[in-house]
């Protein structure tokens, strides 16, 4: 699987909530950690024993296929925390009473523990940093995907100063335990209002994956499907017409949906010479640190393209086609200088060049194409600053690649690749 950093701010404060989608709900595909700009859904990072009691930790999310059959789409996000913190879903809602679904799907091979929080600011707390927060411990058994709905839990409620994180008061009406579900708590504290949910896992340091965040109520439930990065791949070149065997530099530009590079990415240069039915691999180039360039030397008209294969972290993409037209080179001129007419003579029509005539009169050469192995016309390529590698032996129009890696059976899919850091929203909004 592959990693993406999750950045979370330190504070948590009530913010203007996002309005839930109405009319039966909808599905939003989240690429990597690039959640939509609203506060309806994002990643949360909270302390397990107390809301803001997080221990220092660099959180990494692992984006990949599965495991098993994810509840939405093909991919999910996995985490392996140190213990003491929890990561999961974060939702701001406009009405706590009208929110009947605030859920996240989770799978943990060995099981895991987690925590859910719900925050509500009653009328008497408006304009302050004080909020009521309920806390509920969670236990996820080992096995397949499970759904945890935060709206159905019983919480232990207390007043928290969101500026300092201090727990200031409990509700005596709830007894010694301070335990209550959401409905009865709202009835005793002025009724409905905006709220925030955070549901997270990994308190015990066990590995887990999450997918399918859902938030809403009778008016509609929005589902958030966690998937890989989308990518775009562009191609540019130094020329579109050259003499046979002359170099053309081709450059690839691979970016994700946020305009960032894709760490660990490799792109494949493919070519289709005139007369060929299919594209063939020319070179495999690293594309994570810089935009790779490669020089090709086509012997006949050739179309080139770059390809990035679908992989756990990111979805594949193919560049537009780049066509290079090949012309025949001219004959070498003779060393004799050009002789112009004498002032007293009238210029005469040229009778065609001879070895001693004007070298500026160029006659196109014949038979300038060079056959590659297998009897077809090839293209030679070279990567800047590298040596040569063998020409392909597939009997098709091939490429001699200098400094490029041999083509793997399937480009991409490395489990060590890391996506570009994408900040996620914090509980502070």
Protein backbone atom coordinates (compact mmCIF):
# COMPACT_ATOMS: atom_id res chain seq x y z
CA UNK A 1 0.00 0.00 0.00
CA UNK A 2 1.07 3.61 -0.28
CA UNK A 3 1.19 6.55 2.06
CA UNK A 4 -0.13 10.11 2.26
CA UNK A 5 0.54 12.47 5.12
CA UNK A 6 -2.45 13.75 7.10
CA UNK A 7 -1.92 17.18 8.66
CA UNK A 8 -4.20 18.16 11.52
CA UNK A 9 -4.36 21.48 13.34
CA UNK A 10 -4.14 21.68 17.11
CA UNK A 11 -7.39 23.38 18.02
CA UNK A 12 -11.04 22.47 17.86
CA UNK A 13 -13.73 25.10 17.85
CA UNK A 14 -17.34 25.33 16.68
CA UNK A 15 -17.51 26.58 13.12
CA UNK A 16 -20.18 27.36 10.58
CA UNK A 17 -21.53 23.91 9.68
CA UNK A 18 -22.00 22.64 6.16
CA UNK A 19 -25.53 22.11 4.89
CA UNK A 20 -26.23 18.44 4.20
CA UNK A 21 -27.26 17.38 0.72
CA UNK A 22 -31.00 17.15 0.31
CA UNK A 23 -33.30 15.04 -1.81
CA UNK A 24 -32.30 11.42 -1.28
CA UNK A 25 -28.56 11.85 -0.84
CA UNK A 26 -25.58 11.50 -3.14
CA UNK A 27 -22.09 10.01 -3.38
CA UNK A 28 -18.89 12.05 -3.37
CA UNK A 29 -15.66 10.39 -4.52
CA UNK A 30 -12.67 11.54 -2.43
CA UNK A 31 -9.31 11.18 -4.17
CA UNK A 32 -6.56 10.61 -1.63
CA UNK A 33 -7.15 13.04 1.23
CA UNK A 34 -8.60 15.71 -1.06
CA UNK A 35 -12.00 16.11 0.59
CA UNK A 36 -14.38 18.77 -0.76
CA UNK A 37 -14.04 22.28 0.62
CA UNK A 38 -17.11 22.07 2.87
CA UNK A 39 -17.04 20.85 6.47
CA UNK A 40 -19.53 18.08 5.79
CA UNK A 41 -16.78 15.43 5.81
CA UNK A 42 -13.06 15.16 6.43
CA UNK A 43 -10.47 13.19 8.38
CA UNK A 44 -10.37 13.56 12.17
CA UNK A 45 -7.41 13.19 14.53
CA UNK A 46 -8.32 13.15 18.23
CA UNK A 47 -7.06 11.91 21.54
CA UNK A 48 -8.49 8.63 22.80
CA UNK A 49 -8.87 9.50 26.48
CA UNK A 50 -9.81 13.13 25.96
CA UNK A 51 -10.75 15.19 22.95
CA UNK A 52 -7.55 17.20 22.72
CA UNK A 53 -5.31 14.80 24.59
CA UNK A 54 -3.38 13.78 21.49
CA UNK A 55 0.12 12.40 21.76
CA UNK A 56 2.74 13.69 19.27
CA UNK A 57 2.62 11.56 16.14
CA UNK A 58 3.09 11.90 12.40
CA UNK A 59 0.01 10.30 10.92
CA UNK A 60 0.24 8.45 7.60
CA UNK A 61 -2.68 7.13 5.56
CA UNK A 62 -2.19 4.17 3.25
CA UNK A 63 -4.27 4.33 0.07
CA UNK A 64 -4.74 1.04 -1.74
CA UNK A 65 -7.05 -1.55 -3.24
CA UNK A 66 -9.23 -3.48 -0.77
CA UNK A 67 -8.85 -5.03 1.67
CA UNK A 68 -11.46 -7.63 0.82
CA UNK A 69 -14.38 -5.87 -0.88
CA UNK A 70 -14.53 -2.24 0.30
CA UNK A 71 -18.06 -0.98 0.98
CA UNK A 72 -17.64 1.78 -1.62
CA UNK A 73 -15.50 1.72 -4.75
CA UNK A 74 -12.25 -0.22 -5.06
CA UNK A 75 -9.93 1.42 -2.54
CA UNK A 76 -9.78 2.43 1.12
CA UNK A 77 -7.43 4.27 3.47
CA UNK A 78 -5.40 2.37 6.05
CA UNK A 79 -3.65 3.54 9.22
CA UNK A 80 -1.14 2.09 11.65
CA UNK A 81 -0.99 4.47 14.63
CA UNK A 82 1.34 4.32 17.60
CA UNK A 83 -1.52 4.12 20.12
CA UNK A 84 -3.28 6.78 22.17
CA UNK A 85 -4.68 8.67 19.19
CA UNK A 86 -7.57 7.96 16.84
CA UNK A 87 -8.14 8.75 13.16
CA UNK A 88 -11.41 8.51 11.29
CA UNK A 89 -14.25 10.67 10.04
CA UNK A 90 -15.13 14.26 10.90
CA UNK A 91 -18.51 15.86 10.21
CA UNK A 92 -20.05 19.27 10.93
CA UNK A 93 -23.85 19.30 10.74
CA UNK A 94 -26.43 22.05 10.85
CA UNK A 95 -28.91 20.16 13.01
CA UNK A 96 -27.94 17.57 15.60
CA UNK A 97 -31.52 16.40 16.06
CA UNK A 98 -32.05 15.90 12.32
CA UNK A 99 -28.81 13.94 11.86
CA UNK A 100 -29.58 10.23 12.04
CA UNK A 101 -26.50 8.96 10.21
CA UNK A 102 -22.89 9.86 11.04
CA UNK A 103 -21.08 6.66 10.21
CA UNK A 104 -17.81 5.21 8.95
CA UNK A 105 -16.96 1.70 7.75
CA UNK A 106 -13.90 0.05 9.30
CA UNK A 107 -11.98 -3.20 9.00
CA UNK A 108 -9.18 -4.37 11.35
CA UNK A 109 -7.44 -7.74 10.83
CA UNK A 110 -6.75 -8.13 14.56
CA UNK A 111 -9.54 -5.88 15.77
CA UNK A 112 -9.00 -2.40 17.23
CA UNK A 113 -10.37 0.11 19.70
CA UNK A 114 -11.53 3.63 19.01
CA UNK A 115 -13.55 6.57 20.24
CA UNK A 116 -16.45 8.74 19.08
CA UNK A 117 -17.11 12.35 20.05
CA UNK A 118 -20.13 14.55 19.48
CA UNK A 119 -20.02 18.29 20.21
CA UNK A 120 -22.97 20.62 20.74
CA UNK A 121 -23.15 24.27 21.80
CA UNK A 122 -26.38 25.13 23.58
CA UNK A 123 -27.90 28.61 23.50
CA UNK A 124 -26.43 29.64 26.85
CA UNK A 125 -22.89 28.98 25.49
CA UNK A 126 -23.19 31.05 22.33
CA UNK A 127 -20.35 33.49 21.86
CA UNK A 128 -17.99 31.55 24.14
CA UNK A 129 -15.41 28.81 23.63
CA UNK A 130 -17.48 26.41 25.73
CA UNK A 131 -19.25 23.38 24.25
CA UNK A 132 -20.83 20.19 25.43
CA UNK A 133 -18.96 17.12 24.21
CA UNK A 134 -19.97 13.52 24.57
CA UNK A 135 -17.41 10.70 24.48
CA UNK A 136 -18.11 7.03 23.66
CA UNK A 137 -15.48 4.26 23.58
CA UNK A 138 -15.54 1.91 20.57
CA UNK A 139 -14.47 -1.69 20.04
CA UNK A 140 -14.12 -3.24 16.58
CA UNK A 141 -13.81 -7.00 16.33
CA UNK A 142 -11.45 -8.81 13.96
CA UNK A 143 -12.93 -9.81 10.65
CA UNK A 144 -14.66 -8.08 7.77
CA UNK A 145 -15.95 -4.58 7.19
CA UNK A 146 -18.14 -3.14 9.94
CA UNK A 147 -20.23 0.02 10.11
CA UNK A 148 -20.15 2.35 13.14
CA UNK A 149 -22.94 4.95 13.39
CA UNK A 150 -22.13 7.67 15.93
CA UNK A 151 -25.71 8.89 16.21
CA UNK A 152 -26.83 5.65 17.91
CA UNK A 153 -24.24 5.64 20.73
CA UNK A 154 -24.51 6.57 24.40
CA UNK A 155 -22.09 9.31 25.42
CA UNK A 156 -20.55 10.60 28.62
CA UNK A 157 -21.12 14.39 28.45
CA UNK A 158 -19.04 17.24 29.82
CA UNK A 159 -18.41 20.92 29.14
CA UNK A 160 -15.09 21.54 27.41
CA UNK A 161 -13.29 24.80 26.82
CA UNK A 162 -12.32 24.41 23.16
CA UNK A 163 -9.55 26.97 23.59
CA UNK A 164 -7.68 25.06 26.31
CA UNK A 165 -9.16 21.58 26.08
CA UNK A 166 -10.02 21.61 29.78
CA UNK A 167 -13.06 19.68 30.99
CA UNK A 168 -15.01 22.11 33.18
CA UNK A 169 -18.35 20.63 34.20
CA UNK A 170 -20.71 17.66 34.03
CA UNK A 171 -24.48 17.52 33.87
CA UNK A 172 -25.82 16.56 37.33
CA UNK A 173 -29.12 15.59 35.76
CA UNK A 174 -27.36 12.69 34.07
CA UNK A 175 -26.23 11.17 37.36
CA UNK A 176 -22.80 9.98 38.35
CA UNK A 177 -22.01 8.45 34.97
CA UNK A 178 -23.04 11.47 32.89
CA UNK A 179 -24.22 8.96 30.29
CA UNK A 180 -26.96 9.69 27.75
CA UNK A 181 -27.88 9.20 24.13
CA UNK A 182 -28.21 12.27 21.92
CA UNK A 183 -32.00 12.71 22.01
CA UNK A 184 -32.50 12.92 25.79
CA UNK A 185 -29.40 15.12 26.14
CA UNK A 186 -30.75 17.65 23.64
CA UNK A 187 -34.12 17.71 25.41
CA UNK A 188 -32.41 18.81 28.62
CA UNK A 189 -30.21 21.47 27.00
CA UNK A 190 -32.40 23.78 25.02
CA UNK A 191 -33.20 21.61 22.04
CA UNK A 192 -31.54 21.42 18.62
CA UNK A 193 -28.53 23.20 17.15
CA UNK A 194 -25.36 22.78 15.06
CA UNK A 195 -22.99 19.99 16.05
CA UNK A 196 -19.83 18.11 15.15
CA UNK A 197 -19.06 14.37 15.04
CA UNK A 198 -15.67 12.67 15.13
CA UNK A 199 -15.35 8.90 14.90
CA UNK A 200 -11.86 7.36 15.02
CA UNK A 201 -9.95 4.13 15.50
CA UNK A 202 -6.45 2.92 16.33
CA UNK A 203 -6.38 3.75 20.05
CA UNK A 204 -4.59 0.46 20.75
CA UNK A 205 -2.10 0.88 17.89
CA UNK A 206 -3.67 -1.88 15.76
CA UNK A 207 -3.83 -1.56 11.99
CA UNK A 208 -7.14 -0.69 10.38
CA UNK A 209 -8.72 0.62 7.17
CA UNK A 210 -11.64 3.01 6.75
CA UNK A 211 -14.00 3.79 3.89
CA UNK A 212 -17.51 5.05 3.15
CA UNK A 213 -18.16 8.04 5.39
CA UNK A 214 -21.91 8.76 5.56
CA UNK A 215 -23.62 11.84 6.99
CA UNK A 216 -27.23 13.06 6.89
CA UNK A 217 -30.79 12.25 7.88
CA UNK A 218 -34.31 11.86 6.49
CA UNK A 219 -33.73 14.69 4.01
CA UNK A 220 -30.81 12.83 2.43
CA UNK A 221 -27.57 11.02 3.28
CA UNK A 222 -24.29 11.83 1.55
CA UNK A 223 -21.76 9.04 1.08
CA UNK A 224 -18.02 9.73 0.76
CA UNK A 225 -16.13 7.05 -1.16
CA UNK A 226 -12.37 7.07 -0.38
CA UNK A 227 -10.41 6.36 -3.55
CA UNK A 228 -6.95 6.93 -5.06
CA UNK A 229 -5.51 10.06 -6.62
CA UNK A 230 -6.52 11.08 -10.11
CA UNK A 231 -3.70 11.94 -12.48
CA UNK A 232 -3.09 13.87 -15.68
CA UNK A 233 -0.21 13.22 -18.06
CA UNK A 234 1.02 15.66 -20.71
CA UNK A 235 3.61 15.30 -23.46
CA UNK A 236 5.71 17.97 -25.15
CA UNK A 237 8.50 17.82 -27.70
CA UNK A 238 11.30 19.82 -29.27
CA UNK A 239 10.15 19.27 -32.87
CA UNK A 240 7.37 17.74 -34.93
CA UNK A 241 9.41 17.26 -38.13
CA UNK A 242 13.00 16.04 -38.41
CA UNK A 243 15.32 14.31 -40.85
CA UNK A 244 15.59 10.56 -40.42
CA UNK A 245 17.81 9.65 -37.48
CA UNK A 246 17.87 13.17 -36.05
CA UNK A 247 16.93 13.59 -32.36
CA UNK A 248 13.67 14.86 -30.89
CA UNK A 249 13.39 15.45 -27.15
CA UNK A 250 10.11 14.35 -25.57
CA UNK A 251 9.11 15.42 -22.03
CA UNK A 252 6.41 14.00 -19.75
CA UNK A 253 4.52 15.94 -17.09
CA UNK A 254 2.61 13.82 -14.53
CA UNK A 255 0.49 15.48 -11.82
CA UNK A 256 -2.27 14.49 -9.42
CA UNK A 257 -5.60 16.32 -9.09
CA UNK A 258 -4.02 18.91 -6.80
CA UNK A 259 -1.25 19.70 -9.29
CA UNK A 260 1.36 17.85 -7.21
CA UNK A 261 3.87 15.25 -8.35
CA UNK A 262 3.09 11.59 -7.71
CA UNK A 263 5.87 10.15 -5.49
CA UNK A 264 7.59 7.04 -6.77
CA UNK A 265 5.84 7.28 -10.13
CA UNK A 266 7.19 5.79 -13.36
CA UNK A 267 5.93 6.67 -16.84
CA UNK A 268 6.23 4.58 -19.99
CA UNK A 269 7.12 6.09 -23.37
CA UNK A 270 5.35 4.27 -26.20
CA UNK A 271 5.72 4.61 -29.97
CA UNK A 272 3.77 3.59 -33.06
CA UNK A 273 5.74 3.96 -36.31
CA UNK A 274 3.90 4.43 -39.57
CA UNK A 275 2.40 1.12 -40.66
CA UNK A 276 2.34 -0.37 -37.14
CA UNK A 277 -0.99 -1.42 -35.68
CA UNK A 278 -0.11 -1.01 -32.01
CA UNK A 279 2.01 1.07 -29.65
CA UNK A 280 5.21 -0.50 -28.34
CA UNK A 281 7.26 0.34 -25.26
CA UNK A 282 10.25 2.60 -25.87
CA UNK A 283 11.42 3.45 -22.35
CA UNK A 284 10.40 3.48 -18.68
CA UNK A 285 11.28 6.70 -16.87
CA UNK A 286 11.06 7.91 -13.24
CA UNK A 287 8.65 10.84 -12.95
CA UNK A 288 8.39 11.66 -9.25
CA UNK A 289 11.27 14.10 -8.68
CA UNK A 290 11.26 15.91 -12.03
CA UNK A 291 9.57 15.86 -15.42
CA UNK A 292 11.50 13.19 -17.36
CA UNK A 293 12.86 13.81 -20.85
CA UNK A 294 14.09 11.33 -23.42
CA UNK A 295 15.59 11.79 -26.88
CA UNK A 296 14.24 9.71 -29.73
CA UNK A 297 15.63 9.33 -33.26
CA UNK A 298 12.81 8.18 -35.51
CA UNK A 299 13.63 6.66 -38.89
CA UNK A 300 10.07 7.05 -40.18
CA UNK A 301 6.90 8.94 -39.27
CA UNK A 302 6.12 7.97 -35.67
CA UNK A 303 3.47 8.76 -33.07
CA UNK A 304 4.58 8.87 -29.42
CA UNK A 305 2.71 8.96 -26.11
CA UNK A 306 3.42 8.61 -22.39
CA UNK A 307 1.42 6.26 -20.15
CA UNK A 308 1.04 6.03 -16.35
CA UNK A 309 -0.41 2.69 -15.25
CA UNK A 310 -3.24 2.36 -12.74
CA UNK A 311 -1.88 1.52 -9.28
CA UNK A 312 -3.05 1.39 -5.65
CA UNK A 313 -2.24 5.03 -4.89
CA UNK A 314 -3.32 6.67 -8.12
CA UNK A 315 -5.48 6.09 -11.14
CA UNK A 316 -3.75 5.66 -14.49
CA UNK A 317 -3.64 8.19 -17.32
CA UNK A 318 -2.36 8.48 -20.90
CA UNK A 319 -1.02 11.58 -22.62
CA UNK A 320 -2.21 12.89 -25.95
CA UNK A 321 -0.46 11.55 -29.05
CA UNK A 322 2.64 13.42 -30.29
CA UNK A 323 3.30 12.91 -34.02
CA UNK A 324 6.78 13.32 -35.51
CA UNK A 325 7.08 13.54 -39.30
CA UNK A 326 10.37 12.24 -40.75
CA UNK A 327 11.95 13.70 -43.92
CA UNK A 328 14.85 12.32 -45.96
CA UNK A 329 18.21 13.96 -45.38
CA UNK A 330 19.95 15.76 -48.27
CA UNK A 331 23.23 14.78 -50.00
CA UNK A 332 26.47 16.09 -48.66
CA UNK A 333 27.53 19.11 -50.77
CA UNK A 334 30.85 19.11 -52.65
CA UNK A 335 33.69 21.24 -51.20
CA UNK A 336 33.92 23.39 -54.41
CA UNK A 337 32.55 26.89 -53.81
CA UNK A 338 29.61 28.24 -55.79
CA UNK A 339 30.42 29.91 -59.10
CA UNK A 340 28.17 32.79 -60.07
CA UNK A 341 27.75 34.22 -63.62
CA UNK A 342 30.17 36.82 -64.94
CA UNK A 343 28.79 40.39 -65.13
CA UNK A 344 28.85 40.27 -68.93
CA UNK A 345 27.06 36.91 -69.12
CA UNK A 346 23.39 36.12 -68.91
CA UNK A 347 22.51 33.54 -66.28
CA UNK A 348 21.70 30.17 -67.82
CA UNK A 349 19.19 27.62 -66.53
CA UNK A 350 20.71 25.05 -64.23
CA UNK A 351 21.48 21.73 -65.89
CA UNK A 352 21.46 19.85 -62.56
CA UNK A 353 24.27 19.46 -60.09
CA UNK A 354 27.47 17.56 -60.67
CA UNK A 355 30.27 16.84 -58.16
CA UNK A 356 31.93 20.13 -59.16
CA UNK A 357 28.82 22.26 -59.34
CA UNK A 358 27.09 24.56 -56.85
CA UNK A 359 26.83 22.74 -53.46
CA UNK A 360 23.75 24.83 -52.65
CA UNK A 361 21.83 22.82 -55.25
CA UNK A 362 20.71 19.91 -53.03
CA UNK A 363 19.40 16.65 -54.42
CA UNK A 364 17.39 14.54 -51.97
CA UNK A 365 19.12 11.32 -51.07
CA UNK A 366 17.46 7.97 -51.65
CA UNK A 367 17.12 4.97 -49.35
CA UNK A 368 17.83 6.93 -46.17
CA UNK A 369 15.73 4.72 -43.86
CA UNK A 370 17.54 2.20 -41.70
CA UNK A 371 15.96 -1.16 -41.01
CA UNK A 372 15.77 -2.38 -37.43
CA UNK A 373 15.94 -6.06 -36.37
CA UNK A 374 13.11 -8.04 -37.86
CA UNK A 375 13.19 -5.99 -41.03
CA UNK A 376 11.08 -3.05 -39.75
CA UNK A 377 12.05 0.57 -39.41
CA UNK A 378 12.98 1.61 -35.87
CA UNK A 379 13.50 4.58 -33.63
CA UNK A 380 16.51 5.06 -31.43
CA UNK A 381 16.08 6.81 -28.08
CA UNK A 382 18.38 8.10 -25.40
CA UNK A 383 17.86 9.60 -21.98
CA UNK A 384 20.02 12.59 -21.16
CA UNK A 385 23.24 11.77 -19.35
CA UNK A 386 23.12 7.98 -19.68
CA UNK A 387 24.55 5.10 -21.67
CA UNK A 388 22.94 2.82 -24.20
CA UNK A 389 20.83 -0.24 -23.57
CA UNK A 390 19.99 -3.00 -26.07
CA UNK A 391 17.44 -2.50 -28.81
CA UNK A 392 14.15 -4.39 -28.34
CA UNK A 393 14.08 -7.84 -29.88
CA UNK A 394 10.37 -8.18 -30.48
CA UNK A 395 10.74 -7.91 -34.26
CA UNK A 396 8.70 -4.70 -34.39
CA UNK A 397 9.69 -1.10 -34.90
CA UNK A 398 11.82 -0.74 -31.80
CA UNK A 399 13.87 1.62 -29.72
CA UNK A 400 17.42 1.68 -28.53
CA UNK A 401 17.09 3.21 -25.09
CA UNK A 402 20.05 4.86 -23.46
CA UNK A 403 19.80 5.22 -19.69
CA UNK A 404 16.17 4.09 -19.38
CA UNK A 405 15.03 1.20 -17.22
CA UNK A 406 13.74 -1.97 -18.90
CA UNK A 407 9.95 -2.07 -19.10
CA UNK A 408 8.38 -4.02 -16.23
CA UNK A 409 5.55 -6.44 -16.85
CA UNK A 410 3.21 -3.87 -15.30
CA UNK A 411 4.32 -0.33 -14.57
CA UNK A 412 3.31 1.04 -11.16
CA UNK A 413 1.73 -0.77 -8.24
CA UNK A 414 4.77 -0.49 -6.00
CA UNK A 415 3.88 -0.83 -2.35
CA UNK A 416 6.58 1.64 -1.35
CA UNK A 417 5.24 4.64 -3.23
CA UNK A 418 4.16 7.67 -1.19
CA UNK A 419 1.57 10.23 -2.34
CA UNK A 420 2.10 13.92 -2.04
CA UNK A 421 1.11 15.37 1.32
CA UNK A 422 -2.42 16.71 1.20
CA UNK A 423 -3.59 18.70 4.25
CA UNK A 424 -6.95 17.59 5.63
CA UNK A 425 -9.32 19.68 7.66
CA UNK A 426 -8.95 19.50 11.40
CA UNK A 427 -11.56 19.53 14.10
CA UNK A 428 -10.82 23.22 14.34
CA UNK A 429 -12.29 23.76 10.87
